[in-house]
N, C-alpha and C. Protein backbone atom coordinates (compact mmCIF):
# COMPACT_ATOMS: atom_id res chain seq x y z
N MET A 1 106.62 112.51 -221.83
CA MET A 1 105.61 111.96 -221.35
C MET A 1 104.38 112.95 -222.64
N LEU A 2 103.22 111.49 -222.27
CA LEU A 2 101.96 112.21 -223.19
C LEU A 2 101.06 113.19 -223.11
N THR A 3 101.02 114.17 -223.64
CA THR A 3 99.87 114.84 -223.05
C THR A 3 98.34 114.30 -223.41
N PRO A 4 97.33 114.66 -222.96
CA PRO A 4 96.51 113.60 -223.40
C PRO A 4 95.48 114.11 -224.62
N LEU A 5 95.99 115.07 -225.30
CA LEU A 5 95.31 115.83 -226.65
C LEU A 5 96.35 114.62 -227.59
N ILE A 6 97.90 114.49 -227.13
CA ILE A 6 98.39 113.31 -228.28
C ILE A 6 98.24 112.31 -227.84
N SER A 7 98.01 111.72 -226.87
CA SER A 7 97.14 110.19 -226.36
C SER A 7 96.10 110.08 -226.80
N GLY A 8 95.08 111.26 -227.05
CA GLY A 8 93.74 110.81 -228.17
C GLY A 8 93.66 110.33 -229.33
N ILE A 9 94.62 111.39 -229.66
CA ILE A 9 95.05 111.57 -231.02
C ILE A 9 95.52 110.38 -231.62
N ASN A 10 96.57 109.81 -230.64
CA ASN A 10 97.42 108.16 -231.25
C ASN A 10 96.51 107.12 -231.25
N SER A 11 95.24 107.58 -230.21
CA SER A 11 94.33 106.50 -229.96
C SER A 11 93.13 106.84 -231.26
N ILE A 12 93.42 107.40 -231.70
CA ILE A 12 91.96 107.90 -232.97
C ILE A 12 92.67 106.79 -233.94
N PHE A 13 93.90 107.29 -234.48
CA PHE A 13 95.14 106.44 -235.49
C PHE A 13 94.76 105.11 -235.50
N SER A 14 94.72 104.27 -234.03
CA SER A 14 94.70 103.08 -233.55
C SER A 14 93.56 102.31 -234.26
N LEU A 15 92.27 103.44 -233.36
CA LEU A 15 91.44 103.03 -233.69
C LEU A 15 90.70 102.54 -234.98
N PHE A 16 91.57 103.50 -236.17
CA PHE A 16 91.18 103.19 -237.94
C PHE A 16 91.95 102.34 -238.36
N TYR A 17 92.96 101.85 -237.90
CA TYR A 17 93.87 101.04 -238.10
C TYR A 17 93.41 99.38 -237.88
N ILE A 18 92.52 99.78 -236.65
CA ILE A 18 91.75 98.29 -236.48
C ILE A 18 90.55 98.04 -237.10
N VAL A 19 89.96 99.88 -237.80
CA VAL A 19 88.42 99.28 -238.65
C VAL A 19 89.43 99.03 -239.99
N ILE A 20 90.66 99.50 -240.23
CA ILE A 20 90.77 99.27 -241.83
C ILE A 20 90.88 97.47 -241.80
N LEU A 21 91.36 97.03 -240.62
CA LEU A 21 91.83 95.71 -240.74
C LEU A 21 90.56 95.05 -240.47
N ILE A 22 89.71 94.94 -239.94
CA ILE A 22 88.31 94.57 -240.09
C ILE A 22 87.99 94.62 -241.70
N ARG A 23 88.06 95.79 -241.71
CA ARG A 23 87.27 95.62 -243.44
C ARG A 23 87.99 94.71 -244.30
N CYS A 24 89.05 94.69 -244.18
CA CYS A 24 90.14 93.93 -245.13
C CYS A 24 89.96 92.21 -245.09
N PHE A 25 89.42 91.81 -243.45
CA PHE A 25 88.93 90.60 -242.92
C PHE A 25 87.42 90.56 -243.73
N LEU A 26 86.94 91.51 -243.81
CA LEU A 26 85.68 91.42 -243.77
C LEU A 26 85.17 91.09 -245.50
N SER A 27 86.33 91.30 -246.07
CA SER A 27 86.08 91.33 -248.00
C SER A 27 86.19 90.45 -247.80
N PHE A 28 86.79 88.93 -247.22
CA PHE A 28 87.01 87.86 -247.39
C PHE A 28 85.69 86.75 -247.19
N VAL A 29 84.18 87.61 -246.35
CA VAL A 29 83.24 86.76 -246.29
C VAL A 29 82.66 86.68 -247.57
N PRO A 30 82.27 85.55 -247.90
CA PRO A 30 81.08 85.55 -249.07
C PRO A 30 79.86 86.01 -248.55
N ASN A 31 78.81 86.78 -249.57
CA ASN A 31 77.97 87.29 -249.20
C ASN A 31 77.65 88.28 -247.93
N LEU A 32 78.21 88.61 -247.96
CA LEU A 32 78.12 89.86 -246.87
C LEU A 32 77.49 91.14 -247.29
N ASP A 33 76.42 91.16 -246.81
CA ASP A 33 75.62 92.25 -247.29
C ASP A 33 75.79 93.71 -246.60
N TRP A 34 77.03 94.21 -247.35
CA TRP A 34 77.76 95.91 -247.08
C TRP A 34 76.45 96.92 -247.17
N ASN A 35 75.60 96.95 -246.97
CA ASN A 35 74.36 97.79 -246.73
C ASN A 35 73.66 97.86 -245.95
N ARG A 36 73.98 96.69 -244.92
CA ARG A 36 73.32 96.40 -243.27
C ARG A 36 74.50 97.15 -242.41
N GLN A 37 74.07 97.79 -241.54
CA GLN A 37 74.47 97.87 -240.39
C GLN A 37 75.52 96.80 -239.65
N PRO A 38 76.62 96.86 -238.84
CA PRO A 38 77.46 97.92 -239.18
C PRO A 38 78.30 97.87 -240.71
N PHE A 39 78.22 96.63 -241.09
CA PHE A 39 78.98 97.20 -242.21
C PHE A 39 79.15 98.16 -243.36
N TYR A 40 78.22 98.66 -243.49
CA TYR A 40 77.92 99.90 -244.03
C TYR A 40 78.87 100.88 -243.78
N THR A 41 78.40 101.30 -242.40
CA THR A 41 79.44 102.24 -241.41
C THR A 41 80.93 101.90 -241.78
N ILE A 42 81.40 100.79 -241.66
CA ILE A 42 82.52 100.53 -241.83
C ILE A 42 83.61 100.74 -243.26
N ARG A 43 82.25 100.14 -244.00
CA ARG A 43 82.62 100.74 -245.35
C ARG A 43 82.62 102.03 -245.84
N GLN A 44 81.70 102.96 -245.37
CA GLN A 44 82.05 103.95 -245.78
C GLN A 44 83.24 104.79 -245.09
N VAL A 45 83.52 104.42 -244.09
CA VAL A 45 84.93 105.20 -242.98
C VAL A 45 86.10 105.02 -243.80
N THR A 46 86.68 103.53 -243.93
CA THR A 46 87.37 103.03 -244.74
C THR A 46 87.61 103.33 -246.19
N ASP A 47 86.85 103.14 -246.94
CA ASP A 47 87.15 103.02 -248.56
C ASP A 47 86.72 104.62 -248.61
N ALA A 48 86.23 105.85 -248.03
CA ALA A 48 87.10 107.21 -248.00
C ALA A 48 88.46 107.01 -248.33
N TYR A 49 89.07 106.73 -247.53
CA TYR A 49 90.62 106.03 -247.01
C TYR A 49 91.20 105.72 -248.26
N LEU A 50 90.90 104.65 -248.19
CA LEU A 50 91.14 103.59 -249.34
C LEU A 50 91.07 103.77 -250.63
N ASP A 51 90.13 104.30 -251.01
CA ASP A 51 89.82 104.63 -252.49
C ASP A 51 90.90 106.10 -252.85
N ILE A 52 91.89 106.72 -251.94
CA ILE A 52 92.54 107.61 -252.39
C ILE A 52 93.53 106.39 -253.43
N PHE A 53 94.06 105.62 -252.14
CA PHE A 53 95.33 104.16 -252.84
C PHE A 53 94.85 103.39 -254.13
N ARG A 54 93.47 103.28 -253.84
CA ARG A 54 93.14 101.86 -255.12
C ARG A 54 92.78 103.02 -256.28
N ARG A 55 92.59 104.37 -256.67
CA ARG A 55 93.04 104.98 -258.00
C ARG A 55 94.57 105.06 -258.23
N ILE A 56 95.42 104.77 -257.09
CA ILE A 56 96.70 104.88 -257.41
C ILE A 56 97.26 103.47 -257.86
N ILE A 57 97.15 102.35 -256.85
CA ILE A 57 97.62 101.16 -257.24
C ILE A 57 96.55 100.19 -257.61
N PRO A 58 96.76 99.82 -258.67
CA PRO A 58 95.90 98.71 -259.28
C PRO A 58 96.11 97.16 -258.23
N PRO A 59 94.49 96.63 -258.89
CA PRO A 59 95.14 95.29 -258.50
C PRO A 59 95.81 94.53 -258.55
N VAL A 60 96.88 93.25 -257.71
CA VAL A 60 97.07 92.42 -258.09
C VAL A 60 96.44 91.09 -258.38
N GLY A 61 96.53 90.93 -259.90
CA GLY A 61 95.50 89.69 -260.23
C GLY A 61 94.27 89.89 -259.36
N MET A 62 93.63 89.25 -258.23
CA MET A 62 92.54 89.31 -257.51
C MET A 62 92.89 89.66 -256.21
N LEU A 63 94.19 89.99 -255.52
CA LEU A 63 94.43 90.87 -254.53
C LEU A 63 94.70 92.00 -254.73
N ASP A 64 94.23 92.75 -254.05
CA ASP A 64 94.01 94.13 -253.82
C ASP A 64 95.25 94.68 -252.45
N VAL A 65 96.54 95.02 -252.91
CA VAL A 65 97.18 95.27 -251.98
C VAL A 65 97.23 97.23 -251.80
N SER A 66 96.23 97.64 -252.58
CA SER A 66 96.22 99.06 -251.43
C SER A 66 95.73 99.07 -250.38
N PRO A 67 95.39 98.32 -249.39
CA PRO A 67 95.77 98.77 -248.25
C PRO A 67 96.55 98.82 -247.35
N ILE A 68 97.43 97.70 -247.70
CA ILE A 68 98.61 97.36 -247.21
C ILE A 68 99.56 98.71 -247.18
N VAL A 69 99.11 99.41 -248.69
CA VAL A 69 100.17 101.06 -248.94
C VAL A 69 99.41 101.76 -247.91
N ALA A 70 97.81 101.71 -247.77
CA ALA A 70 97.25 102.88 -246.88
C ALA A 70 97.90 102.66 -245.75
N ILE A 71 97.82 101.50 -245.06
CA ILE A 71 98.20 101.06 -243.64
C ILE A 71 99.35 101.89 -243.16
N ILE A 72 100.56 101.50 -244.15
CA ILE A 72 101.83 101.55 -244.13
C ILE A 72 101.67 103.78 -244.34
N ALA A 73 101.10 104.16 -245.27
CA ALA A 73 100.80 105.47 -245.04
C ALA A 73 100.19 106.32 -243.45
N LEU A 74 99.17 105.29 -243.16
CA LEU A 74 98.73 105.63 -242.33
C LEU A 74 99.73 105.96 -241.08
N GLY A 75 100.47 104.80 -241.28
CA GLY A 75 101.77 104.92 -239.90
C GLY A 75 102.72 105.66 -240.00
N LEU A 76 102.73 106.25 -241.33
CA LEU A 76 103.92 107.55 -241.54
C LEU A 76 103.09 108.99 -241.13
N ILE A 77 101.76 109.21 -241.79
CA ILE A 77 101.01 110.35 -240.86
C ILE A 77 100.63 110.49 -239.79
N GLN A 78 100.91 108.79 -238.82
CA GLN A 78 100.68 109.39 -237.53
C GLN A 78 101.84 109.14 -236.90
N ASN A 79 102.83 108.93 -237.05
CA ASN A 79 104.31 109.36 -236.50
C ASN A 79 104.86 111.06 -236.75
N VAL A 80 104.55 111.50 -237.93
CA VAL A 80 104.45 113.30 -238.85
C VAL A 80 103.73 113.66 -237.73
N VAL A 81 102.44 113.10 -237.38
CA VAL A 81 101.52 113.99 -236.68
C VAL A 81 101.68 114.08 -235.10
N ILE A 82 102.42 113.13 -234.76
CA ILE A 82 102.71 112.75 -232.97
C ILE A 82 103.50 113.74 -232.90
N ILE A 83 104.80 113.71 -233.74
CA ILE A 83 106.42 114.56 -233.52
C ILE A 83 105.78 115.88 -233.56
N LEU A 84 104.96 116.45 -234.52
CA LEU A 84 104.44 117.54 -234.38
C LEU A 84 103.98 118.19 -232.97
N LEU A 85 102.96 117.54 -233.01
CA LEU A 85 102.29 117.75 -231.79
C LEU A 85 102.90 117.99 -230.85
N SER A 86 104.03 116.94 -230.40
CA SER A 86 104.82 116.49 -229.25
C SER A 86 106.17 117.69 -229.32
N THR A 87 106.16 118.30 -230.62
CA THR A 87 107.42 119.51 -230.86
C THR A 87 106.59 120.31 -230.20
N LEU A 88 105.95 120.83 -231.07
CA LEU A 88 104.89 122.39 -230.26
C LEU A 88 104.32 122.42 -228.89
N LEU A 89 104.13 121.16 -228.54
CA LEU A 89 103.52 121.69 -227.17
C LEU A 89 104.44 120.80 -226.05
N GLY A 90 105.67 121.42 -226.69
CA GLY A 90 106.61 120.95 -225.71
C GLY A 90 106.90 119.52 -225.06
């Protein structure tokens, strides 16, 4: 059984997945003003995480594959955190 803490942390990870996916889909919208809300906030929150992977993985042609690797890494981090918390909290 998940404790409320583990469930809450799991929900935060899920929300971050969704925001990253929204950011990826919005990148295909031409003439989008990223300096207006809510796009500015979405960009600020996700780019802080995605930039880690963009520094390591160069774009393939015009395609940025770093969000794919970032989502996979986020899933691994989520699993490790949930397993550790489950072990610690019993």
